[in-house]
Amino acid sequence: MISVKHSYQTIAHSPSEMAKKMLFFVQDVGWFICAPDYHMKRTFYYYQLKYVVRGTGYLIWQGRKYKLRPGEMFFLDLTQMHQYYADPDDPWELLWFRFGGVTVLDYYRLLECSRPPVFRSRNPIAMRGMFMNLFNMFKLRPFGLEIAASSLITQIISEIVITKMENDGDQPLHLSPMYPKEVQQALGYIEKHFSSPIKLEEVADHIHLSPYYFSRIFKRSTGYSVMEYVIKYRLTRSKHLLMFTKLSSGQIALNVGFCSHSYFTKMFKTYEGMTPKEYRKSIQ
């Protein structure tokens, strides 16, 4: 283990209501020169992008381990359990920001960040510059800070999207071959109709497979049964509404497809370990 001078700079921000409704909004930004024993394991709130300036470290996400080197980034839904740590022999230097916004979930799904959430920049110098500019923006707090920050985050995410398209041969991102075609079609159907009642037989019929065969390939591909995936997707959408709207939990339950407020509360408590009301209070 080598001796490294380490520092952890974090700048917190309380976004305005305008930013929450209209923009990518920042909760905090950071610049870390990590100690050899730097280690994080948790669930939290909102989303986070981390850029590796130098050094090496590891991300553990959904049971898989990823090694991250300079020029690479990871994009996390912090409400999901995650773990990352520095290589003690070559600790990270990281630039990062934690953020939200009405379109973050759509970009996150577009980039298929759950499989895997790791990306490499086409131009590491330019990407590092954008992350550093965002950090300095919140340090200096210029006029129009939130709008300028949202614009810069849009540039960062757009660069990631373009890089992914190039790596995928310029194919539409939702047609990524990570899942079989039938499973991709099923996911698209679920995500389009999640607010309405959905049955296994209905989804299987949509992709012209028997319910038995379809349920097997879906579970093998995603790790979830069809109905478990539907519930988890509805809960993900509900967390977005709890964060960014003032709708009651009863209204949210109906908006995301749960048959009753009580069932929504029961499922939320089962999967998230707290009630919708407690979740909303925790992120205020």
C-alpha atoms as a PDB file:
ATOM      1  CA  MET A   1       0.000   0.000   0.000  1.00  0.00           C
ATOM      2  CA  ILE A   2       1.452   3.368  -1.004  1.00  0.00           C
ATOM      3  CA  SER A   3       1.297   6.662   0.887  1.00  0.00           C
ATOM      4  CA  VAL A   4      -1.043   9.109  -0.842  1.00  0.00           C
ATOM      5  CA  LYS A   5      -1.974  12.643   0.138  1.00  0.00           C
ATOM      6  CA  HIS A   6      -5.746  12.570   0.015  1.00  0.00           C
ATOM      7  CA  SER A   7      -8.504  15.169   0.104  1.00  0.00           C
ATOM      8  CA  TYR A   8     -12.279  15.128  -0.209  1.00  0.00           C
ATOM      9  CA  GLN A   9     -13.966  18.291  -1.441  1.00  0.00           C
ATOM     10  CA  THR A  10     -17.766  18.288  -1.627  1.00  0.00           C
ATOM     11  CA  ILE A  11     -19.961  21.292  -2.446  1.00  0.00           C
ATOM     12  CA  ALA A  12     -23.639  20.903  -1.579  1.00  0.00           C
ATOM     13  CA  HIS A  13     -26.459  22.745  -3.337  1.00  0.00           C
ATOM     14  CA  SER A  14     -30.165  23.177  -2.598  1.00  0.00           C
ATOM     15  CA  PRO A  15     -31.877  23.266  -6.011  1.00  0.00           C
ATOM     16  CA  SER A  16     -34.705  25.704  -6.642  1.00  0.00           C
ATOM     17  CA  GLU A  17     -38.232  24.562  -7.430  1.00  0.00           C
ATOM     18  CA  MET A  18     -37.754  25.879 -10.970  1.00  0.00           C
ATOM     19  CA  ALA A  19     -34.674  23.698 -11.423  1.00  0.00           C
ATOM     20  CA  LYS A  20     -36.471  20.624 -10.082  1.00  0.00           C
ATOM     21  CA  LYS A  21     -39.357  21.116 -12.504  1.00  0.00           C
ATOM     22  CA  MET A  22     -37.442  22.113 -15.641  1.00  0.00           C
ATOM     23  CA  LEU A  23     -33.739  21.227 -15.500  1.00  0.00           C
ATOM     24  CA  PHE A  24     -31.091  18.726 -14.595  1.00  0.00           C
ATOM     25  CA  PHE A  25     -30.482  19.855 -11.020  1.00  0.00           C
ATOM     26  CA  VAL A  26     -27.434  19.263  -8.849  1.00  0.00           C
ATOM     27  CA  GLN A  27     -27.524  18.143  -5.226  1.00  0.00           C
ATOM     28  CA  ASP A  28     -23.758  18.168  -4.750  1.00  0.00           C
ATOM     29  CA  VAL A  29     -20.473  18.026  -6.661  1.00  0.00           C
ATOM     30  CA  GLY A  30     -17.135  16.668  -5.552  1.00  0.00           C
ATOM     31  CA  TRP A  31     -13.436  16.296  -6.239  1.00  0.00           C
ATOM     32  CA  PHE A  32     -11.846  13.414  -4.370  1.00  0.00           C
ATOM     33  CA  ILE A  33      -8.200  12.390  -4.173  1.00  0.00           C
ATOM     34  CA  CYS A  34      -8.873   9.098  -2.470  1.00  0.00           C
ATOM     35  CA  ALA A  35      -6.971   7.497   0.363  1.00  0.00           C
ATOM     36  CA  PRO A  36      -5.865   3.895  -0.230  1.00  0.00           C
ATOM     37  CA  ASP A  37      -8.663   2.670   2.051  1.00  0.00           C
ATOM     38  CA  TYR A  38     -11.444   4.693   0.364  1.00  0.00           C
ATOM     39  CA  HIS A  39     -14.545   2.482   0.270  1.00  0.00           C
ATOM     40  CA  MET A  40     -18.251   3.242  -0.171  1.00  0.00           C
ATOM     41  CA  LYS A  41     -21.162   0.817   0.206  1.00  0.00           C
ATOM     42  CA  ARG A  42     -24.712   2.160   0.481  1.00  0.00           C
ATOM     43  CA  THR A  43     -28.044   3.107  -0.979  1.00  0.00           C
ATOM     44  CA  PHE A  44     -28.800   6.816  -1.287  1.00  0.00           C
ATOM     45  CA  TYR A  45     -30.925   9.205  -3.351  1.00  0.00           C
ATOM     46  CA  TYR A  46     -30.913  10.565  -6.912  1.00  0.00           C
ATOM     47  CA  TYR A  47     -28.307   9.671  -9.569  1.00  0.00           C
ATOM     48  CA  GLN A  48     -24.551  10.074  -9.714  1.00  0.00           C
ATOM     49  CA  LEU A  49     -21.889  10.315 -12.406  1.00  0.00           C
ATOM     50  CA  LYS A  50     -18.262   9.761 -11.381  1.00  0.00           C
ATOM     51  CA  TYR A  51     -15.278  10.365 -13.677  1.00  0.00           C
ATOM     52  CA  VAL A  52     -11.898   8.727 -13.029  1.00  0.00           C
ATOM     53  CA  VAL A  53      -9.152  11.344 -13.403  1.00  0.00           C
ATOM     54  CA  ARG A  54      -6.321   9.040 -12.395  1.00  0.00           C
ATOM     55  CA  GLY A  55      -5.686   5.871 -10.460  1.00  0.00           C
ATOM     56  CA  THR A  56      -7.630   2.632 -10.330  1.00  0.00           C
ATOM     57  CA  GLY A  57     -10.644   1.391  -8.412  1.00  0.00           C
ATOM     58  CA  TYR A  58     -13.506  -1.069  -8.477  1.00  0.00           C
ATOM     59  CA  LEU A  59     -17.284  -0.899  -8.714  1.00  0.00           C
ATOM     60  CA  ILE A  60     -19.537  -3.726  -7.548  1.00  0.00           C
ATOM     61  CA  TRP A  61     -22.958  -3.432  -9.159  1.00  0.00           C
ATOM     62  CA  GLN A  62     -25.712  -6.049  -9.294  1.00  0.00           C
ATOM     63  CA  GLY A  63     -23.306  -8.824  -8.330  1.00  0.00           C
ATOM     64  CA  ARG A  64     -20.627  -7.925 -10.885  1.00  0.00           C
ATOM     65  CA  LYS A  65     -17.244  -6.302 -10.364  1.00  0.00           C
ATOM     66  CA  TYR A  66     -15.853  -3.653 -12.739  1.00  0.00           C
ATOM     67  CA  LYS A  67     -12.332  -2.225 -12.791  1.00  0.00           C
ATOM     68  CA  LEU A  68     -12.268   1.500 -13.586  1.00  0.00           C
ATOM     69  CA  ARG A  69      -9.260   3.386 -14.914  1.00  0.00           C
ATOM     70  CA  PRO A  70      -8.569   6.994 -16.025  1.00  0.00           C
ATOM     71  CA  GLY A  71     -11.000   8.278 -18.647  1.00  0.00           C
ATOM     72  CA  GLU A  72     -13.831   5.998 -17.520  1.00  0.00           C
ATOM     73  CA  MET A  73     -17.094   6.929 -15.796  1.00  0.00           C
ATOM     74  CA  PHE A  74     -19.849   5.184 -13.915  1.00  0.00           C
ATOM     75  CA  PHE A  75     -23.490   6.308 -13.862  1.00  0.00           C
ATOM     76  CA  LEU A  76     -25.467   5.011 -10.877  1.00  0.00           C
ATOM     77  CA  ASP A  77     -29.038   5.003  -9.676  1.00  0.00           C
ATOM     78  CA  LEU A  78     -28.141   5.598  -6.049  1.00  0.00           C
ATOM     79  CA  THR A  79     -31.397   4.140  -4.763  1.00  0.00           C
ATOM     80  CA  GLN A  80     -29.984   0.726  -5.730  1.00  0.00           C
ATOM     81  CA  MET A  81     -27.360  -0.926  -3.517  1.00  0.00           C
ATOM     82  CA  HIS A  82     -23.891  -0.070  -4.803  1.00  0.00           C
ATOM     83  CA  GLN A  83     -20.298  -0.425  -3.688  1.00  0.00           C
ATOM     84  CA  TYR A  84     -17.059   1.064  -4.991  1.00  0.00           C
ATOM     85  CA  TYR A  85     -13.556   1.407  -3.635  1.00  0.00           C
ATOM     86  CA  ALA A  86     -10.061   2.554  -4.558  1.00  0.00           C
ATOM     87  CA  ASP A  87      -7.206   0.228  -5.404  1.00  0.00           C
ATOM     88  CA  PRO A  88      -4.941   0.633  -2.345  1.00  0.00           C
ATOM     89  CA  ASP A  89      -1.837   0.479  -4.560  1.00  0.00           C
ATOM     90  CA  ASP A  90      -3.116   3.082  -7.043  1.00  0.00           C
ATOM     91  CA  PRO A  91      -5.976   5.066  -5.454  1.00  0.00           C
ATOM     92  CA  TRP A  92      -8.490   7.011  -7.510  1.00  0.00           C
ATOM     93  CA  GLU A  93      -8.784  10.684  -8.166  1.00  0.00           C
ATOM     94  CA  LEU A  94     -12.472  11.304  -8.944  1.00  0.00           C
ATOM     95  CA  LEU A  95     -14.659  14.149 -10.156  1.00  0.00           C
ATOM     96  CA  TRP A  96     -18.370  13.596  -9.612  1.00  0.00           C
ATOM     97  CA  PHE A  97     -21.831  15.089  -9.285  1.00  0.00           C
ATOM     98  CA  ARG A  98     -25.109  13.864  -7.810  1.00  0.00           C
ATOM     99  CA  PHE A  99     -28.169  15.054  -9.655  1.00  0.00           C
ATOM    100  CA  GLY A 100     -31.794  14.615 -10.655  1.00  0.00           C
ATOM    101  CA  GLY A 101     -34.237  15.942 -13.218  1.00  0.00           C
ATOM    102  CA  VAL A 102     -37.415  15.032 -15.025  1.00  0.00           C
ATOM    103  CA  THR A 103     -35.540  13.246 -17.848  1.00  0.00           C
ATOM    104  CA  VAL A 104     -32.753  11.539 -15.870  1.00  0.00           C
ATOM    105  CA  LEU A 105     -34.597   8.228 -15.617  1.00  0.00           C
ATOM    106  CA  ASP A 106     -35.212   8.226 -19.384  1.00  0.00           C
ATOM    107  CA  TYR A 107     -31.514   8.814 -20.122  1.00  0.00           C
ATOM    108  CA  TYR A 108     -30.542   6.199 -17.561  1.00  0.00           C
ATOM    109  CA  ARG A 109     -32.716   3.596 -19.240  1.00  0.00           C
ATOM    110  CA  LEU A 110     -31.646   4.729 -22.722  1.00  0.00           C
ATOM    111  CA  LEU A 111     -28.025   4.103 -21.797  1.00  0.00           C
ATOM    112  CA  GLU A 112     -28.917   0.761 -20.179  1.00  0.00           C
ATOM    113  CA  CYS A 113     -26.897   1.832 -17.156  1.00  0.00           C
ATOM    114  CA  SER A 114     -27.773  -1.278 -15.211  1.00  0.00           C
ATOM    115  CA  ARG A 115     -25.814  -3.491 -17.627  1.00  0.00           C
ATOM    116  CA  PRO A 116     -23.170  -2.248 -17.133  1.00  0.00           C
ATOM    117  CA  PRO A 117     -23.110   1.326 -15.761  1.00  0.00           C
ATOM    118  CA  VAL A 118     -19.546   1.948 -16.992  1.00  0.00           C
ATOM    119  CA  PHE A 119     -18.646   4.200 -19.932  1.00  0.00           C
ATOM    120  CA  ARG A 120     -15.449   5.474 -21.540  1.00  0.00           C
ATOM    121  CA  SER A 121     -15.135   8.936 -23.048  1.00  0.00           C
ATOM    122  CA  ARG A 122     -14.038   9.446 -26.648  1.00  0.00           C
ATOM    123  CA  ASN A 123     -12.124  12.527 -25.507  1.00  0.00           C
ATOM    124  CA  PRO A 124     -10.952  12.121 -21.896  1.00  0.00           C
ATOM    125  CA  ILE A 125      -9.385  15.594 -21.752  1.00  0.00           C
ATOM    126  CA  ALA A 126     -12.625  17.290 -22.823  1.00  0.00           C
ATOM    127  CA  MET A 127     -14.738  15.136 -20.500  1.00  0.00           C
ATOM    128  CA  ARG A 128     -12.471  15.840 -17.554  1.00  0.00           C
ATOM    129  CA  GLY A 129     -12.726  19.541 -18.398  1.00  0.00           C
ATOM    130  CA  MET A 130     -16.531  19.437 -18.309  1.00  0.00           C
ATOM    131  CA  PHE A 131     -16.574  17.707 -14.916  1.00  0.00           C
ATOM    132  CA  MET A 132     -14.034  20.219 -13.566  1.00  0.00           C
ATOM    133  CA  ASN A 133     -16.009  23.140 -14.998  1.00  0.00           C
ATOM    134  CA  LEU A 134     -19.119  21.879 -13.220  1.00  0.00           C
ATOM    135  CA  PHE A 135     -17.218  21.611  -9.926  1.00  0.00           C
ATOM    136  CA  ASN A 136     -15.810  25.141 -10.313  1.00  0.00           C
ATOM    137  CA  MET A 137     -19.233  26.474 -11.259  1.00  0.00           C
ATOM    138  CA  PHE A 138     -20.627  25.511  -7.861  1.00  0.00           C
ATOM    139  CA  LYS A 139     -17.496  26.803  -6.157  1.00  0.00           C
ATOM    140  CA  LEU A 140     -17.806  30.242  -7.793  1.00  0.00           C
ATOM    141  CA  ARG A 141     -21.639  30.302  -8.026  1.00  0.00           C
ATOM    142  CA  PRO A 142     -22.012  32.628 -11.049  1.00  0.00           C
ATOM    143  CA  PHE A 143     -25.274  34.280 -12.091  1.00  0.00           C
ATOM    144  CA  GLY A 144     -27.565  31.747 -13.782  1.00  0.00           C
ATOM    145  CA  LEU A 145     -25.791  28.871 -12.027  1.00  0.00           C
ATOM    146  CA  GLU A 146     -28.590  26.287 -12.269  1.00  0.00           C
ATOM    147  CA  ILE A 147     -29.287  26.885 -15.955  1.00  0.00           C
ATOM    148  CA  ALA A 148     -25.578  26.807 -16.831  1.00  0.00           C
ATOM    149  CA  ALA A 149     -25.084  23.632 -14.779  1.00  0.00           C
ATOM    150  CA  SER A 150     -28.032  21.918 -16.475  1.00  0.00           C
ATOM    151  CA  SER A 151     -26.619  22.836 -19.881  1.00  0.00           C
ATOM    152  CA  LEU A 152     -23.233  21.372 -18.958  1.00  0.00           C
ATOM    153  CA  ILE A 153     -24.787  18.149 -17.640  1.00  0.00           C
ATOM    154  CA  THR A 154     -26.706  17.865 -20.921  1.00  0.00           C
ATOM    155  CA  GLN A 155     -23.375  18.095 -22.786  1.00  0.00           C
ATOM    156  CA  ILE A 156     -21.834  15.410 -20.582  1.00  0.00           C
ATOM    157  CA  ILE A 157     -24.731  12.986 -21.005  1.00  0.00           C
ATOM    158  CA  SER A 158     -24.984  13.726 -24.737  1.00  0.00           C
ATOM    159  CA  GLU A 159     -21.310  12.834 -25.136  1.00  0.00           C
ATOM    160  CA  ILE A 160     -21.908   9.533 -23.340  1.00  0.00           C
ATOM    161  CA  VAL A 161     -24.917   8.780 -25.570  1.00  0.00           C
ATOM    162  CA  ILE A 162     -22.979   9.554 -28.772  1.00  0.00           C
ATOM    163  CA  THR A 163     -20.053   7.393 -27.652  1.00  0.00           C
ATOM    164  CA  LYS A 164     -22.383   4.501 -26.897  1.00  0.00           C
ATOM    165  CA  MET A 165     -24.058   4.853 -30.300  1.00  0.00           C
ATOM    166  CA  GLU A 166     -20.666   4.741 -32.012  1.00  0.00           C
ATOM    167  CA  ASN A 167     -19.643   1.682 -30.024  1.00  0.00           C
ATOM    168  CA  ASP A 168     -22.943  -0.022 -30.873  1.00  0.00           C
ATOM    169  CA  GLY A 169     -22.500   0.671 -34.580  1.00  0.00           C
ATOM    170  CA  ASP A 170     -24.916   3.642 -34.581  1.00  0.00           C
ATOM    171  CA  GLN A 171     -27.865   1.346 -33.871  1.00  0.00           C
ATOM    172  CA  PRO A 172     -30.851   2.727 -31.959  1.00  0.00           C
ATOM    173  CA  LEU A 173     -29.948   2.390 -28.302  1.00  0.00           C
ATOM    174  CA  HIS A 174     -33.104   0.544 -27.321  1.00  0.00           C
ATOM    175  CA  LEU A 175     -32.142  -2.234 -29.724  1.00  0.00           C
ATOM    176  CA  SER A 176     -29.003  -3.152 -27.796  1.00  0.00           C
ATOM    177  CA  PRO A 177     -28.354  -6.901 -28.106  1.00  0.00           C
ATOM    178  CA  MET A 178     -27.907  -7.290 -24.334  1.00  0.00           C
ATOM    179  CA  TYR A 179     -31.306  -9.032 -24.163  1.00  0.00           C
ATOM    180  CA  PRO A 180     -32.957 -11.363 -26.700  1.00  0.00           C
ATOM    181  CA  LYS A 181     -35.269  -9.593 -29.126  1.00  0.00           C
ATOM    182  CA  GLU A 182     -38.391 -11.051 -27.504  1.00  0.00           C
ATOM    183  CA  VAL A 183     -37.318  -9.799 -24.067  1.00  0.00           C
ATOM    184  CA  GLN A 184     -36.542  -6.340 -25.459  1.00  0.00           C
ATOM    185  CA  GLN A 185     -40.032  -6.249 -26.990  1.00  0.00           C
ATOM    186  CA  ALA A 186     -41.550  -7.324 -23.682  1.00  0.00           C
ATOM    187  CA  LEU A 187     -39.635  -4.652 -21.755  1.00  0.00           C
ATOM    188  CA  GLY A 188     -40.807  -2.031 -24.211  1.00  0.00           C
ATOM    189  CA  TYR A 189     -44.404  -3.191 -23.825  1.00  0.00           C
ATOM    190  CA  ILE A 190     -44.212  -3.155 -20.018  1.00  0.00           C
ATOM    191  CA  GLU A 191     -42.618   0.294 -19.938  1.00  0.00           C
ATOM    192  CA  LYS A 192     -45.292   1.652 -22.275  1.00  0.00           C
ATOM    193  CA  HIS A 193     -48.263   0.117 -20.432  1.00  0.00           C
ATOM    194  CA  PHE A 194     -47.028   0.017 -16.824  1.00  0.00           C
ATOM    195  CA  SER A 195     -49.772   2.394 -15.652  1.00  0.00           C
ATOM    196  CA  SER A 196     -52.485  -0.057 -16.766  1.00  0.00           C
ATOM    197  CA  PRO A 197     -53.217  -3.571 -15.460  1.00  0.00           C
ATOM    198  CA  ILE A 198     -50.690  -6.043 -16.929  1.00  0.00           C
ATOM    199  CA  LYS A 199     -50.817  -9.846 -16.939  1.00  0.00           C
ATOM    200  CA  LEU A 200     -48.159 -12.351 -17.954  1.00  0.00           C
ATOM    201  CA  GLU A 201     -50.443 -13.792 -20.640  1.00  0.00           C
ATOM    202  CA  GLU A 202     -50.989 -10.348 -22.132  1.00  0.00           C
ATOM    203  CA  VAL A 203     -47.265  -9.646 -22.532  1.00  0.00           C
ATOM    204  CA  ALA A 204     -46.594 -13.146 -23.883  1.00  0.00           C
ATOM    205  CA  ASP A 205     -49.386 -12.733 -26.424  1.00  0.00           C
ATOM    206  CA  HIS A 206     -47.910  -9.405 -27.537  1.00  0.00           C
ATOM    207  CA  ILE A 207     -44.649 -11.095 -28.539  1.00  0.00           C
ATOM    208  CA  HIS A 208     -46.345 -14.268 -29.845  1.00  0.00           C
ATOM    209  CA  LEU A 209     -44.895 -16.717 -27.311  1.00  0.00           C
ATOM    210  CA  SER A 210     -46.520 -19.117 -24.898  1.00  0.00           C
ATOM    211  CA  PRO A 211     -46.653 -17.773 -21.326  1.00  0.00           C
ATOM    212  CA  TYR A 212     -44.591 -20.734 -20.105  1.00  0.00           C
ATOM    213  CA  TYR A 213     -41.747 -20.300 -22.598  1.00  0.00           C
ATOM    214  CA  PHE A 214     -41.792 -16.510 -22.358  1.00  0.00           C
ATOM    215  CA  SER A 215     -41.625 -16.499 -18.555  1.00  0.00           C
ATOM    216  CA  ARG A 216     -38.575 -18.782 -18.666  1.00  0.00           C
ATOM    217  CA  ILE A 217     -36.552 -16.676 -21.134  1.00  0.00           C
ATOM    218  CA  PHE A 218     -37.557 -13.469 -19.359  1.00  0.00           C
ATOM    219  CA  LYS A 219     -36.370 -14.760 -15.976  1.00  0.00           C
ATOM    220  CA  ARG A 220     -33.183 -16.153 -17.493  1.00  0.00           C
ATOM    221  CA  SER A 221     -32.395 -12.816 -19.195  1.00  0.00           C
ATOM    222  CA  THR A 222     -33.367 -10.282 -16.519  1.00  0.00           C
ATOM    223  CA  GLY A 223     -33.138 -12.231 -13.284  1.00  0.00           C
ATOM    224  CA  TYR A 224     -36.757 -11.359 -12.465  1.00  0.00           C
ATOM    225  CA  SER A 225     -40.125 -12.924 -13.116  1.00  0.00           C
ATOM    226  CA  VAL A 226     -42.328 -10.859 -15.433  1.00  0.00           C
ATOM    227  CA  MET A 227     -44.623  -9.650 -12.669  1.00  0.00           C
ATOM    228  CA  GLU A 228     -41.719  -8.909 -10.324  1.00  0.00           C
ATOM    229  CA  TYR A 229     -40.185  -6.760 -13.058  1.00  0.00           C
ATOM    230  CA  VAL A 230     -43.512  -4.954 -13.509  1.00  0.00           C
ATOM    231  CA  ILE A 231     -43.660  -4.204  -9.780  1.00  0.00           C
ATOM    232  CA  LYS A 232     -40.047  -3.013  -9.649  1.00  0.00           C
ATOM    233  CA  TYR A 233     -40.533  -0.801 -12.698  1.00  0.00           C
ATOM    234  CA  ARG A 234     -43.680   0.725 -11.189  1.00  0.00           C
ATOM    235  CA  LEU A 235     -41.805   1.373  -7.949  1.00  0.00           C
ATOM    236  CA  THR A 236     -38.975   3.053  -9.860  1.00  0.00           C
ATOM    237  CA  ARG A 237     -41.486   5.350 -11.550  1.00  0.00           C
ATOM    238  CA  SER A 238     -43.196   5.996  -8.219  1.00  0.00           C
ATOM    239  CA  LYS A 239     -39.905   7.094  -6.619  1.00  0.00           C
ATOM    240  CA  HIS A 240     -39.436   9.559  -9.461  1.00  0.00           C
ATOM    241  CA  LEU A 241     -42.902  11.029  -8.753  1.00  0.00           C
ATOM    242  CA  LEU A 242     -42.291  11.092  -5.004  1.00  0.00           C
ATOM    243  CA  MET A 243     -39.097  13.049  -5.605  1.00  0.00           C
ATOM    244  CA  PHE A 244     -40.258  15.498  -8.237  1.00  0.00           C
ATOM    245  CA  THR A 245     -44.014  16.061  -7.764  1.00  0.00           C
ATOM    246  CA  LYS A 246     -46.408  16.945  -4.958  1.00  0.00           C
ATOM    247  CA  LEU A 247     -48.888  14.209  -5.870  1.00  0.00           C
ATOM    248  CA  SER A 248     -50.226  12.245  -2.920  1.00  0.00           C
ATOM    249  CA  SER A 249     -49.040   8.664  -2.538  1.00  0.00           C
ATOM    250  CA  GLY A 250     -52.582   7.546  -3.382  1.00  0.00           C
ATOM    251  CA  GLN A 251     -52.481   9.470  -6.669  1.00  0.00           C
ATOM    252  CA  ILE A 252     -49.024   8.119  -7.430  1.00  0.00           C
ATOM    253  CA  ALA A 253     -50.196   4.552  -6.765  1.00  0.00           C
ATOM    254  CA  LEU A 254     -52.880   4.892  -9.435  1.00  0.00           C
ATOM    255  CA  ASN A 255     -50.578   6.751 -11.857  1.00  0.00           C
ATOM    256  CA  VAL A 256     -48.020   3.933 -11.860  1.00  0.00           C
ATOM    257  CA  GLY A 257     -50.500   1.079 -12.133  1.00  0.00           C
ATOM    258  CA  PHE A 258     -51.091  -0.231  -8.611  1.00  0.00           C
ATOM    259  CA  CYS A 259     -54.674  -1.324  -7.981  1.00  0.00           C
ATOM    260  CA  SER A 260     -54.842   0.308  -4.548  1.00  0.00           C
ATOM    261  CA  HIS A 261     -52.937   2.624  -2.258  1.00  0.00           C
ATOM    262  CA  SER A 262     -52.609  -0.094   0.382  1.00  0.00           C
ATOM    263  CA  TYR A 263     -51.033  -2.564  -2.072  1.00  0.00           C
ATOM    264  CA  PHE A 264     -48.666   0.143  -3.340  1.00  0.00           C
ATOM    265  CA  THR A 265     -47.597   0.911   0.230  1.00  0.00           C
ATOM    266  CA  LYS A 266     -47.105  -2.785   0.982  1.00  0.00           C
ATOM    267  CA  MET A 267     -44.921  -3.343  -2.111  1.00  0.00           C
ATOM    268  CA  PHE A 268     -42.949  -0.141  -1.510  1.00  0.00           C
ATOM    269  CA  LYS A 269     -42.234  -1.211   2.064  1.00  0.00           C
ATOM    270  CA  THR A 270     -41.254  -4.713   0.902  1.00  0.00           C
ATOM    271  CA  TYR A 271     -38.767  -3.559  -1.737  1.00  0.00           C
ATOM    272  CA  GLU A 272     -37.537  -0.239  -0.307  1.00  0.00           C
ATOM    273  CA  GLY A 273     -37.676  -0.895   3.434  1.00  0.00           C
ATOM    274  CA  MET A 274     -39.836   2.166   4.115  1.00  0.00           C
ATOM    275  CA  THR A 275     -43.257   3.537   3.205  1.00  0.00           C
ATOM    276  CA  PRO A 276     -43.739   6.040   0.349  1.00  0.00           C
ATOM    277  CA  LYS A 277     -44.381   8.756   2.947  1.00  0.00           C
ATOM    278  CA  GLU A 278     -41.149   7.934   4.770  1.00  0.00           C
ATOM    279  CA  TYR A 279     -39.231   7.866   1.481  1.00  0.00           C
ATOM    280  CA  ARG A 280     -40.525  11.300   0.464  1.00  0.00           C
ATOM    281  CA  LYS A 281     -39.709  12.732   3.887  1.00  0.00           C
ATOM    282  CA  SER A 282     -36.166  11.349   3.710  1.00  0.00           C
ATOM    283  CA  ILE A 283     -35.368  13.271   0.507  1.00  0.00           C
ATOM    284  CA  GLN A 284     -36.890  16.614   1.464  1.00  0.00           C
END
